Amino acid sequence: MLETEELQKVFKGKVAVDGINLYMDRGESIGLLGPNGAGKSTTISMISSLLKPTSGDVRLNGKSVVKNPETIRSVLGVVPQEIALYEELTAYENMKFFGRVYGLKGKSLERRIQEVLEIVGLQERQKDLVKTYSGGMQRRINMAAAMLHEPEILIMDEPTVGIDPQSRNYILDTVRHLNEESGLTVLYTSHYMEEVERLCDRVYIMDHGRIIASGTKDELKSILSGEETIFIDLNRSYPELLSDLKKHEGILQATETEKGLKLIVPKGSRHLSSIFQAAERYQAQILNVNVQIPTLEDVFLHLTGRKLRD
């Protein structure tokens, strides 16, 4: 349905997006992950025809979006990172304005306004000024505006940043319902790995402007199928112990967590005794040890060398 071909964008000699290829089938929910500065938002801007690529193309059903931007604009809804609403207007007035921009009018516009307000759970607050809304409510209205024209594809660029858990959960449930029940095609970027785990069929991992891995969640996890993760809860932080374990020949990765340490080791290896010995050397008090198979976030860290929220 939608694909990019060697998509590249250069700003003043700096390559922001470096020849990426991705595709989305109709009805899929695709995750686009990457640390800040990876090129995700630039990629989205080119896909949505807001930014012209330096080279390469975006194709919708085989037709060039770069040459004919109108081919995608009528079927695409975009929920941007920043709130794109008029705060001095009510939610209803915002919906009416954006609906007219999409070419809707009359009874069809009124019907659609009420439908999207019901979808995001804000029908009862539609007459209130947007500036009186919480951050989560503004995010939901932002989402409603992107769905007014009943798009076939919805792009969501980190739509849950900085909102309360209830609104975040509501947005995720809504996106999942629209994808599974209505067949809406979704491209979703996020800094929260658990959101992608929950929503997406396939995932692209992006870093330094390139796609460095892609596949289903299980396919990506199989990258570390020969490894396992050891979580060690400690009574406090021990920087010297962490530094020591990073140099340990049998430990593939060692990072600090809120509770202690996370270590990735070859599956079936016997490193616990040497880990305990190292902890004893630094008089570290071990509270709990838990061994797990690698997660999608472990794969991300393995591929990019940094945490998703960096």
Protein backbone atom coordinates (compact mmCIF):
# COMPACT_ATOMS: atom_id res chain seq x y z
CA MET A 1 0.00 0.00 0.00
CA LEU A 2 2.67 2.51 1.10
CA GLU A 3 6.41 2.23 0.60
CA THR A 4 9.55 4.33 0.54
CA GLU A 5 12.33 3.80 -2.00
CA GLU A 6 15.87 4.82 -0.99
CA LEU A 7 14.44 7.85 0.79
CA GLN A 8 17.09 10.42 1.67
CA LYS A 9 17.10 13.90 3.19
CA VAL A 10 20.16 16.13 3.54
CA PHE A 11 20.10 19.40 5.51
CA LYS A 12 23.04 21.74 4.87
CA GLY A 13 25.38 18.85 4.13
CA LYS A 14 24.16 16.72 7.05
CA VAL A 15 22.37 13.47 6.20
CA ALA A 16 19.24 13.19 8.36
CA VAL A 17 17.69 10.24 6.52
CA ASP A 18 20.00 7.95 4.59
CA GLY A 19 18.32 5.89 1.88
CA ILE A 20 15.66 4.05 3.86
CA ASN A 21 13.24 1.47 2.49
CA LEU A 22 10.09 0.53 4.38
CA TYR A 23 6.64 -0.68 3.42
CA MET A 24 3.19 -0.89 4.97
CA ASP A 25 0.43 -3.22 3.86
CA ARG A 26 -3.19 -2.17 4.16
CA GLY A 27 -4.49 -2.68 7.70
CA GLU A 28 -1.06 -3.11 9.31
CA SER A 29 0.14 -1.34 12.43
CA ILE A 30 3.83 -0.50 12.01
CA GLY A 31 6.19 0.75 14.70
CA LEU A 32 9.05 3.11 13.88
CA LEU A 33 11.54 3.19 16.75
CA GLY A 34 14.71 5.14 17.25
CA PRO A 35 16.49 7.42 19.72
CA ASN A 36 16.17 11.18 19.45
CA GLY A 37 17.85 12.40 16.28
CA ALA A 38 17.48 9.06 14.49
CA GLY A 39 15.47 10.66 11.66
CA LYS A 40 11.98 9.44 12.53
CA SER A 41 10.18 12.79 12.33
CA THR A 42 12.00 13.74 9.12
CA THR A 43 10.92 10.43 7.61
CA ILE A 44 7.31 11.05 8.63
CA SER A 45 7.41 14.55 7.15
CA MET A 46 8.57 13.13 3.80
CA ILE A 47 6.02 10.31 3.82
CA SER A 48 3.21 12.79 4.53
CA SER A 49 4.44 15.10 1.69
CA LEU A 50 5.24 17.99 4.05
CA LEU A 51 8.94 17.75 3.23
CA LYS A 52 10.46 17.00 -0.17
CA PRO A 53 13.21 14.37 -0.08
CA THR A 54 16.68 15.07 -1.43
CA SER A 55 16.41 11.80 -3.34
CA GLY A 56 14.28 8.68 -3.42
CA ASP A 57 10.51 8.41 -3.47
CA VAL A 58 7.39 7.59 -1.48
CA ARG A 59 4.76 5.51 -3.28
CA LEU A 60 1.12 5.00 -2.43
CA ASN A 61 -0.43 2.11 -4.34
CA GLY A 62 2.39 2.43 -6.86
CA LYS A 63 1.97 6.19 -7.45
CA SER A 64 4.68 8.71 -6.58
CA VAL A 65 3.82 10.93 -3.62
CA VAL A 66 6.81 13.17 -4.35
CA LYS A 67 5.53 13.98 -7.84
CA ASN A 68 1.85 14.10 -6.85
CA PRO A 69 1.41 14.95 -3.14
CA GLU A 70 -2.38 14.96 -3.53
CA THR A 71 -2.29 11.17 -3.90
CA ILE A 72 -1.66 10.78 -0.17
CA ARG A 73 -3.10 13.90 1.44
CA SER A 74 -6.73 12.87 1.02
CA VAL A 75 -6.21 9.47 2.66
CA LEU A 76 -3.71 10.41 5.36
CA GLY A 77 -4.18 11.66 8.92
CA VAL A 78 -1.20 12.90 10.95
CA VAL A 79 -1.03 13.26 14.74
CA PRO A 80 2.11 15.39 15.30
CA GLN A 81 4.37 15.50 18.35
CA GLU A 82 3.28 19.03 19.20
CA ILE A 83 -0.32 19.96 19.93
CA ALA A 84 -1.75 21.46 16.72
CA LEU A 85 -4.91 23.12 18.02
CA TYR A 86 -6.28 26.64 18.58
CA GLU A 87 -6.40 26.98 22.36
CA GLU A 88 -8.77 29.96 22.32
CA LEU A 89 -11.41 27.90 20.48
CA THR A 90 -13.56 25.10 21.85
CA ALA A 91 -12.97 21.50 20.83
CA TYR A 92 -16.07 21.68 18.63
CA GLU A 93 -14.86 24.89 16.95
CA ASN A 94 -11.47 23.29 16.31
CA MET A 95 -13.14 20.26 14.76
CA LYS A 96 -15.32 22.46 12.57
CA PHE A 97 -12.31 24.44 11.37
CA PHE A 98 -10.20 21.39 10.53
CA GLY A 99 -13.19 19.63 8.98
CA ARG A 100 -13.65 22.50 6.56
CA VAL A 101 -9.94 22.41 5.73
CA TYR A 102 -10.49 18.77 4.73
CA GLY A 103 -13.40 19.84 2.54
CA LEU A 104 -16.19 18.57 4.80
CA LYS A 105 -19.35 20.64 5.26
CA GLY A 106 -22.99 20.58 6.24
CA LYS A 107 -24.56 17.54 7.86
CA SER A 108 -21.66 15.25 6.93
CA LEU A 109 -19.26 17.52 8.83
CA GLU A 110 -21.55 17.68 11.88
CA ARG A 111 -21.96 13.89 11.85
CA ARG A 112 -18.24 13.31 11.59
CA ILE A 113 -17.41 15.79 14.37
CA GLN A 114 -19.66 13.91 16.78
CA GLU A 115 -18.25 10.56 15.65
CA VAL A 116 -14.61 11.48 16.29
CA LEU A 117 -15.43 13.21 19.58
CA GLU A 118 -17.14 10.00 20.68
CA ILE A 119 -14.13 7.95 19.58
CA VAL A 120 -11.80 10.02 21.79
CA GLY A 121 -14.32 10.24 24.63
CA LEU A 122 -14.78 14.01 24.68
CA GLN A 123 -18.33 14.61 23.41
CA GLU A 124 -19.41 16.05 26.76
CA ARG A 125 -16.52 18.55 26.81
CA GLN A 126 -16.80 19.73 23.19
CA LYS A 127 -18.04 23.21 24.14
CA ASP A 128 -15.10 23.88 26.49
CA LEU A 129 -12.08 25.92 25.41
CA VAL A 130 -9.10 23.76 24.51
CA LYS A 131 -6.88 25.82 26.83
CA THR A 132 -8.89 24.47 29.79
CA TYR A 133 -8.12 20.86 28.81
CA SER A 134 -5.48 18.71 30.45
CA GLY A 135 -2.50 17.64 28.35
CA GLY A 136 -4.05 14.22 27.84
CA MET A 137 -7.34 15.69 26.65
CA GLN A 138 -5.53 17.96 24.20
CA ARG A 139 -3.68 14.94 22.83
CA ARG A 140 -7.00 13.17 22.31
CA ILE A 141 -8.51 16.16 20.48
CA ASN A 142 -5.32 16.33 18.37
CA MET A 143 -6.00 12.73 17.41
CA ALA A 144 -9.67 13.47 16.67
CA ALA A 145 -8.68 16.27 14.27
CA ALA A 146 -6.49 13.85 12.31
CA MET A 147 -9.39 11.41 11.87
CA LEU A 148 -12.11 13.81 10.74
CA HIS A 149 -11.85 12.94 7.04
CA GLU A 150 -11.85 9.16 7.72
CA PRO A 151 -8.27 8.55 6.57
CA GLU A 152 -7.05 5.16 5.40
CA ILE A 153 -3.62 5.74 6.99
CA LEU A 154 -2.93 7.34 10.38
CA ILE A 155 0.59 8.49 11.27
CA MET A 156 1.15 9.08 14.99
CA ASP A 157 4.41 10.77 15.97
CA GLU A 158 4.98 10.13 19.70
CA PRO A 159 1.36 10.94 20.58
CA THR A 160 1.52 10.11 24.29
CA VAL A 161 4.52 12.17 25.42
CA GLY A 162 3.94 13.97 28.71
CA ILE A 163 0.37 12.83 29.46
CA ASP A 164 -1.28 11.04 32.37
CA PRO A 165 -1.48 7.22 32.39
CA GLN A 166 -5.28 7.20 31.95
CA SER A 167 -5.20 9.31 28.78
CA ARG A 168 -2.24 7.35 27.48
CA ASN A 169 -4.08 4.07 27.99
CA TYR A 170 -7.21 5.50 26.33
CA ILE A 171 -5.24 6.58 23.26
CA LEU A 172 -3.55 3.18 22.96
CA ASP A 173 -6.85 1.34 23.29
CA THR A 174 -8.41 3.63 20.68
CA VAL A 175 -5.59 3.11 18.18
CA ARG A 176 -5.71 -0.64 18.69
CA HIS A 177 -9.48 -0.70 18.17
CA LEU A 178 -9.27 1.42 15.01
CA ASN A 179 -6.57 -0.83 13.60
CA GLU A 180 -8.16 -4.18 14.48
CA GLU A 181 -11.85 -3.36 14.07
CA SER A 182 -11.85 -0.69 11.35
CA GLY A 183 -8.78 -1.80 9.38
CA LEU A 184 -7.03 1.56 9.77
CA THR A 185 -3.37 1.41 8.68
CA VAL A 186 -1.15 2.89 11.40
CA LEU A 187 2.46 4.12 11.46
CA TYR A 188 3.38 4.69 15.09
CA THR A 189 6.54 6.23 16.54
CA SER A 190 7.17 6.25 20.25
CA HIS A 191 9.79 6.54 22.99
CA TYR A 192 7.92 3.88 24.95
CA MET A 193 8.82 0.33 23.94
CA GLU A 194 5.77 -1.13 25.70
CA GLU A 195 3.48 0.91 23.41
CA VAL A 196 5.03 -0.62 20.31
CA GLU A 197 4.84 -4.10 21.89
CA ARG A 198 1.15 -3.52 22.49
CA LEU A 199 0.13 -1.97 19.16
CA CYS A 200 2.38 -2.98 16.30
CA ASP A 201 2.50 -5.96 13.93
CA ARG A 202 5.95 -5.14 12.58
CA VAL A 203 8.73 -2.85 13.74
CA TYR A 204 11.45 -0.83 12.03
CA ILE A 205 14.40 0.24 14.19
CA MET A 206 16.10 3.41 12.97
CA ASP A 207 19.39 4.97 14.03
CA HIS A 208 21.58 7.68 12.49
CA GLY A 209 19.15 8.06 9.59
CA ARG A 210 19.16 4.38 8.61
CA ILE A 211 16.91 1.37 9.13
CA ILE A 212 19.16 -1.01 11.06
CA ALA A 213 16.63 -3.81 11.66
CA SER A 214 13.05 -4.71 10.81
CA GLY A 215 10.59 -7.53 11.23
CA THR A 216 7.85 -8.82 13.50
CA LYS A 217 8.41 -8.51 17.24
CA ASP A 218 9.31 -12.21 17.46
CA GLU A 219 11.70 -11.93 14.52
CA LEU A 220 13.52 -9.02 16.15
CA LYS A 221 13.70 -10.80 19.49
CA SER A 222 15.26 -13.78 17.74
CA ILE A 223 18.33 -11.59 17.13
CA LEU A 224 19.14 -12.28 20.78
CA SER A 225 17.69 -15.80 20.88
CA GLY A 226 21.03 -17.16 22.09
CA GLU A 227 21.10 -14.79 25.04
CA GLU A 228 19.30 -14.20 28.33
CA THR A 229 18.91 -11.25 30.67
CA ILE A 230 19.80 -11.25 34.35
CA PHE A 231 18.20 -8.59 36.56
CA ILE A 232 19.96 -8.03 39.88
CA ASP A 233 18.28 -5.87 42.53
CA LEU A 234 20.75 -4.08 44.85
CA ASN A 235 20.32 -2.05 48.01
CA ARG A 236 21.90 0.97 46.28
CA SER A 237 23.91 2.01 43.23
CA TYR A 238 27.44 0.56 42.80
CA PRO A 239 29.19 2.33 39.88
CA GLU A 240 32.45 0.44 40.46
CA LEU A 241 30.67 -2.91 40.27
CA LEU A 242 28.93 -1.89 37.04
CA SER A 243 32.25 -0.80 35.54
CA ASP A 244 33.84 -4.10 36.55
CA LEU A 245 31.03 -6.20 35.04
CA LYS A 246 31.21 -4.26 31.76
CA LYS A 247 34.79 -5.54 31.40
CA HIS A 248 33.81 -9.13 32.18
CA GLU A 249 34.58 -11.32 29.18
CA GLY A 250 31.39 -13.40 29.43
CA ILE A 251 28.97 -10.51 29.89
CA LEU A 252 27.69 -9.05 26.62
CA GLN A 253 26.01 -5.95 28.10
CA ALA A 254 25.81 -4.42 31.56
CA THR A 255 23.54 -1.46 32.33
CA GLU A 256 22.17 0.16 35.47
CA THR A 257 18.45 0.07 36.29
CA GLU A 258 16.36 1.81 38.94
CA LYS A 259 16.65 -1.25 41.17
CA GLY A 260 20.16 -2.38 40.35
CA LEU A 261 21.74 -3.98 37.28
CA LYS A 262 20.68 -5.61 34.01
CA LEU A 263 23.13 -8.01 32.41
CA ILE A 264 22.87 -9.80 29.06
CA VAL A 265 24.83 -13.07 28.87
CA PRO A 266 25.00 -16.06 26.47
CA LYS A 267 22.08 -18.40 27.04
CA GLY A 268 22.92 -21.35 29.27
CA SER A 269 26.16 -19.78 30.49
CA ARG A 270 27.10 -20.00 34.15
CA HIS A 271 28.10 -16.50 35.16
CA LEU A 272 26.12 -16.09 38.36
CA SER A 273 28.95 -17.29 40.59
CA SER A 274 31.44 -14.80 39.12
CA ILE A 275 28.80 -12.05 39.33
CA PHE A 276 28.24 -12.83 43.01
CA GLN A 277 31.99 -12.81 43.61
CA ALA A 278 32.26 -9.39 41.97
CA ALA A 279 29.38 -8.11 44.12
CA GLU A 280 31.13 -9.41 47.22
CA ARG A 281 34.34 -7.60 46.30
CA TYR A 282 32.47 -4.31 46.27
CA GLN A 283 30.38 -5.27 49.33
CA ALA A 284 27.21 -4.93 47.28
CA GLN A 285 24.07 -6.28 48.92
CA ILE A 286 22.03 -8.38 46.45
CA LEU A 287 18.28 -8.28 47.17
CA ASN A 288 16.93 -10.34 44.26
CA VAL A 289 18.04 -12.09 41.07
CA ASN A 290 15.75 -12.73 38.09
CA VAL A 291 16.68 -14.38 34.76
CA GLN A 292 14.54 -13.55 31.69
CA ILE A 293 14.62 -14.06 27.94
CA PRO A 294 15.53 -10.88 25.98
CA THR A 295 12.86 -8.24 25.33
CA LEU A 296 12.36 -5.92 22.38
CA GLU A 297 14.08 -3.18 24.37
CA ASP A 298 17.09 -5.45 24.86
CA VAL A 299 17.26 -5.85 21.08
CA PHE A 300 17.01 -2.08 20.62
CA LEU A 301 19.84 -1.49 23.08
CA HIS A 302 21.91 -4.22 21.46
CA LEU A 303 21.51 -2.65 18.00
CA THR A 304 21.81 1.03 18.86
CA GLY A 305 24.01 0.91 21.91
CA ARG A 306 21.79 3.29 23.83
CA LYS A 307 18.46 3.29 25.63
CA LEU A 308 15.27 4.28 23.79
CA ARG A 309 14.67 7.32 26.02
CA ASP A 310 18.16 8.81 25.51
